[in-house]
Amino acid sequence: MPVSPYLSLARAADYCDELTALRAELRCILQHPAIVPARRQAAERLMCQCSDPGRLRHWLALAVAECGRWEELVLAAEGS
Protein backbone atom coordinates (compact mmCIF):
# COMPACT_ATOMS: atom_id res chain seq x y z
CA MET A 1 0.00 0.00 0.00
CA PRO A 2 1.57 3.35 -1.00
CA VAL A 3 2.04 6.04 1.62
CA SER A 4 0.07 9.17 0.99
CA PRO A 5 2.05 12.43 1.09
CA TYR A 6 -0.99 13.99 2.76
CA LEU A 7 -0.54 11.72 5.74
CA SER A 8 2.87 13.15 6.51
CA LEU A 9 1.53 16.67 5.93
CA ALA A 10 -1.26 15.95 8.39
CA ARG A 11 1.26 14.71 10.96
CA ALA A 12 3.38 17.81 10.46
CA ALA A 13 0.33 20.02 10.96
CA ASP A 14 -0.62 18.11 14.13
CA TYR A 15 2.96 18.50 15.37
CA CYS A 16 2.90 22.25 14.73
CA ASP A 17 -0.51 22.52 16.41
CA GLU A 18 0.81 20.68 19.45
CA LEU A 19 3.85 22.96 19.72
CA THR A 20 1.63 26.02 19.38
CA ALA A 21 -0.76 24.77 22.06
CA LEU A 22 2.04 23.90 24.47
CA ARG A 23 3.70 27.27 23.98
CA ALA A 24 0.36 29.00 24.60
CA GLU A 25 -0.15 27.05 27.83
CA LEU A 26 3.36 27.88 28.97
CA ARG A 27 2.86 31.58 28.21
CA CYS A 28 -0.32 31.51 30.27
CA ILE A 29 1.24 29.85 33.32
CA LEU A 30 4.30 32.09 33.08
CA GLN A 31 2.01 35.07 33.80
CA HIS A 32 1.65 33.75 37.35
CA PRO A 33 3.11 36.06 40.03
CA ALA A 34 5.54 33.31 41.06
CA ILE A 35 7.42 33.84 37.81
CA VAL A 36 9.45 37.05 37.73
CA PRO A 37 9.64 38.99 34.44
CA ALA A 38 13.29 38.12 33.78
CA ARG A 39 12.51 34.40 33.97
CA ARG A 40 9.44 34.90 31.80
CA GLN A 41 11.57 36.57 29.13
CA ALA A 42 14.23 33.85 29.28
CA ALA A 43 11.53 31.17 29.07
CA GLU A 44 9.98 32.88 26.05
CA ARG A 45 13.30 32.73 24.19
CA LEU A 46 13.75 29.05 25.03
CA MET A 47 10.16 28.19 24.10
CA CYS A 48 10.52 29.82 20.70
CA GLN A 49 13.67 27.80 19.99
CA CYS A 50 12.35 24.47 21.27
CA SER A 51 10.79 22.09 18.77
CA ASP A 52 10.43 19.11 21.12
CA PRO A 53 6.88 18.71 22.48
CA GLY A 54 8.16 16.44 25.25
CA ARG A 55 10.52 19.10 26.51
CA LEU A 56 7.78 21.75 26.39
CA ARG A 57 5.46 19.42 28.34
CA HIS A 58 8.20 18.91 30.91
CA TRP A 59 8.75 22.67 31.26
CA LEU A 60 5.01 23.17 31.62
CA ALA A 61 4.84 20.58 34.40
CA LEU A 62 7.75 22.24 36.19
CA ALA A 63 6.16 25.69 35.90
CA VAL A 64 2.80 24.43 37.19
CA ALA A 65 4.52 22.72 40.14
CA GLU A 66 6.52 25.86 40.95
CA CYS A 67 3.41 28.03 40.88
CA GLY A 68 1.62 25.52 43.10
CA ARG A 69 4.46 25.62 45.64
CA TRP A 70 4.41 29.43 45.58
CA GLU A 71 0.67 29.46 46.23
CA GLU A 72 1.05 27.04 49.12
CA LEU A 73 3.69 29.31 50.67
CA VAL A 74 1.51 32.39 50.24
CA LEU A 75 -1.49 30.65 51.77
CA ALA A 76 0.61 29.39 54.68
CA ALA A 77 1.98 32.90 55.29
CA GLU A 78 -1.54 34.38 55.23
CA GLY A 79 -2.74 31.76 57.68
CA SER A 80 -0.10 32.44 60.29
C-alpha atoms as a PDB file:
ATOM      1  CA  MET A   1       0.000   0.000   0.000  1.00  0.00           C
ATOM      2  CA  PRO A   2       1.565   3.347  -1.001  1.00  0.00           C
ATOM      3  CA  VAL A   3       2.041   6.037   1.617  1.00  0.00           C
ATOM      4  CA  SER A   4       0.068   9.175   0.985  1.00  0.00           C
ATOM      5  CA  PRO A   5       2.047  12.427   1.088  1.00  0.00           C
ATOM      6  CA  TYR A   6      -0.989  13.989   2.756  1.00  0.00           C
ATOM      7  CA  LEU A   7      -0.540  11.723   5.741  1.00  0.00           C
ATOM      8  CA  SER A   8       2.874  13.148   6.506  1.00  0.00           C
ATOM      9  CA  LEU A   9       1.533  16.668   5.930  1.00  0.00           C
ATOM     10  CA  ALA A  10      -1.259  15.953   8.391  1.00  0.00           C
ATOM     11  CA  ARG A  11       1.257  14.712  10.960  1.00  0.00           C
ATOM     12  CA  ALA A  12       3.379  17.812  10.458  1.00  0.00           C
ATOM     13  CA  ALA A  13       0.327  20.015  10.959  1.00  0.00           C
ATOM     14  CA  ASP A  14      -0.615  18.110  14.134  1.00  0.00           C
ATOM     15  CA  TYR A  15       2.963  18.497  15.370  1.00  0.00           C
ATOM     16  CA  CYS A  16       2.903  22.252  14.734  1.00  0.00           C
ATOM     17  CA  ASP A  17      -0.508  22.525  16.407  1.00  0.00           C
ATOM     18  CA  GLU A  18       0.810  20.675  19.454  1.00  0.00           C
ATOM     19  CA  LEU A  19       3.849  22.955  19.718  1.00  0.00           C
ATOM     20  CA  THR A  20       1.627  26.023  19.378  1.00  0.00           C
ATOM     21  CA  ALA A  21      -0.764  24.770  22.063  1.00  0.00           C
ATOM     22  CA  LEU A  22       2.042  23.898  24.474  1.00  0.00           C
ATOM     23  CA  ARG A  23       3.696  27.274  23.984  1.00  0.00           C
ATOM     24  CA  ALA A  24       0.363  29.002  24.601  1.00  0.00           C
ATOM     25  CA  GLU A  25      -0.153  27.050  27.826  1.00  0.00           C
ATOM     26  CA  LEU A  26       3.359  27.884  28.966  1.00  0.00           C
ATOM     27  CA  ARG A  27       2.859  31.579  28.210  1.00  0.00           C
ATOM     28  CA  CYS A  28      -0.316  31.507  30.266  1.00  0.00           C
ATOM     29  CA  ILE A  29       1.240  29.850  33.323  1.00  0.00           C
ATOM     30  CA  LEU A  30       4.296  32.093  33.079  1.00  0.00           C
ATOM     31  CA  GLN A  31       2.009  35.067  33.800  1.00  0.00           C
ATOM     32  CA  HIS A  32       1.648  33.753  37.345  1.00  0.00           C
ATOM     33  CA  PRO A  33       3.108  36.058  40.025  1.00  0.00           C
ATOM     34  CA  ALA A  34       5.536  33.308  41.065  1.00  0.00           C
ATOM     35  CA  ILE A  35       7.416  33.842  37.809  1.00  0.00           C
ATOM     36  CA  VAL A  36       9.455  37.048  37.728  1.00  0.00           C
ATOM     37  CA  PRO A  37       9.635  38.994  34.442  1.00  0.00           C
ATOM     38  CA  ALA A  38      13.291  38.122  33.781  1.00  0.00           C
ATOM     39  CA  ARG A  39      12.509  34.397  33.973  1.00  0.00           C
ATOM     40  CA  ARG A  40       9.439  34.904  31.798  1.00  0.00           C
ATOM     41  CA  GLN A  41      11.574  36.569  29.126  1.00  0.00           C
ATOM     42  CA  ALA A  42      14.229  33.849  29.279  1.00  0.00           C
ATOM     43  CA  ALA A  43      11.533  31.173  29.074  1.00  0.00           C
ATOM     44  CA  GLU A  44       9.984  32.878  26.048  1.00  0.00           C
ATOM     45  CA  ARG A  45      13.296  32.734  24.188  1.00  0.00           C
ATOM     46  CA  LEU A  46      13.747  29.051  25.032  1.00  0.00           C
ATOM     47  CA  MET A  47      10.157  28.186  24.102  1.00  0.00           C
ATOM     48  CA  CYS A  48      10.519  29.815  20.696  1.00  0.00           C
ATOM     49  CA  GLN A  49      13.670  27.801  19.989  1.00  0.00           C
ATOM     50  CA  CYS A  50      12.350  24.474  21.272  1.00  0.00           C
ATOM     51  CA  SER A  51      10.786  22.090  18.769  1.00  0.00           C
ATOM     52  CA  ASP A  52      10.426  19.110  21.121  1.00  0.00           C
ATOM     53  CA  PRO A  53       6.884  18.712  22.481  1.00  0.00           C
ATOM     54  CA  GLY A  54       8.157  16.437  25.248  1.00  0.00           C
ATOM     55  CA  ARG A  55      10.520  19.098  26.514  1.00  0.00           C
ATOM     56  CA  LEU A  56       7.777  21.746  26.388  1.00  0.00           C
ATOM     57  CA  ARG A  57       5.459  19.420  28.342  1.00  0.00           C
ATOM     58  CA  HIS A  58       8.203  18.914  30.915  1.00  0.00           C
ATOM     59  CA  TRP A  59       8.750  22.670  31.265  1.00  0.00           C
ATOM     60  CA  LEU A  60       5.012  23.170  31.616  1.00  0.00           C
ATOM     61  CA  ALA A  61       4.839  20.579  34.401  1.00  0.00           C
ATOM     62  CA  LEU A  62       7.752  22.242  36.190  1.00  0.00           C
ATOM     63  CA  ALA A  63       6.159  25.687  35.900  1.00  0.00           C
ATOM     64  CA  VAL A  64       2.802  24.428  37.191  1.00  0.00           C
ATOM     65  CA  ALA A  65       4.523  22.724  40.139  1.00  0.00           C
ATOM     66  CA  GLU A  66       6.520  25.858  40.953  1.00  0.00           C
ATOM     67  CA  CYS A  67       3.410  28.026  40.882  1.00  0.00           C
ATOM     68  CA  GLY A  68       1.623  25.525  43.103  1.00  0.00           C
ATOM     69  CA  ARG A  69       4.459  25.618  45.641  1.00  0.00           C
ATOM     70  CA  TRP A  70       4.408  29.429  45.578  1.00  0.00           C
ATOM     71  CA  GLU A  71       0.675  29.461  46.226  1.00  0.00           C
ATOM     72  CA  GLU A  72       1.051  27.042  49.121  1.00  0.00           C
ATOM     73  CA  LEU A  73       3.693  29.308  50.674  1.00  0.00           C
ATOM     74  CA  VAL A  74       1.512  32.387  50.239  1.00  0.00           C
ATOM     75  CA  LEU A  75      -1.494  30.651  51.773  1.00  0.00           C
ATOM     76  CA  ALA A  76       0.614  29.394  54.684  1.00  0.00           C
ATOM     77  CA  ALA A  77       1.976  32.904  55.288  1.00  0.00           C
ATOM     78  CA  GLU A  78      -1.536  34.380  55.226  1.00  0.00           C
ATOM     79  CA  GLY A  79      -2.743  31.763  57.677  1.00  0.00           C
ATOM     80  CA  SER A  80      -0.096  32.437  60.295  1.00  0.00           C
END
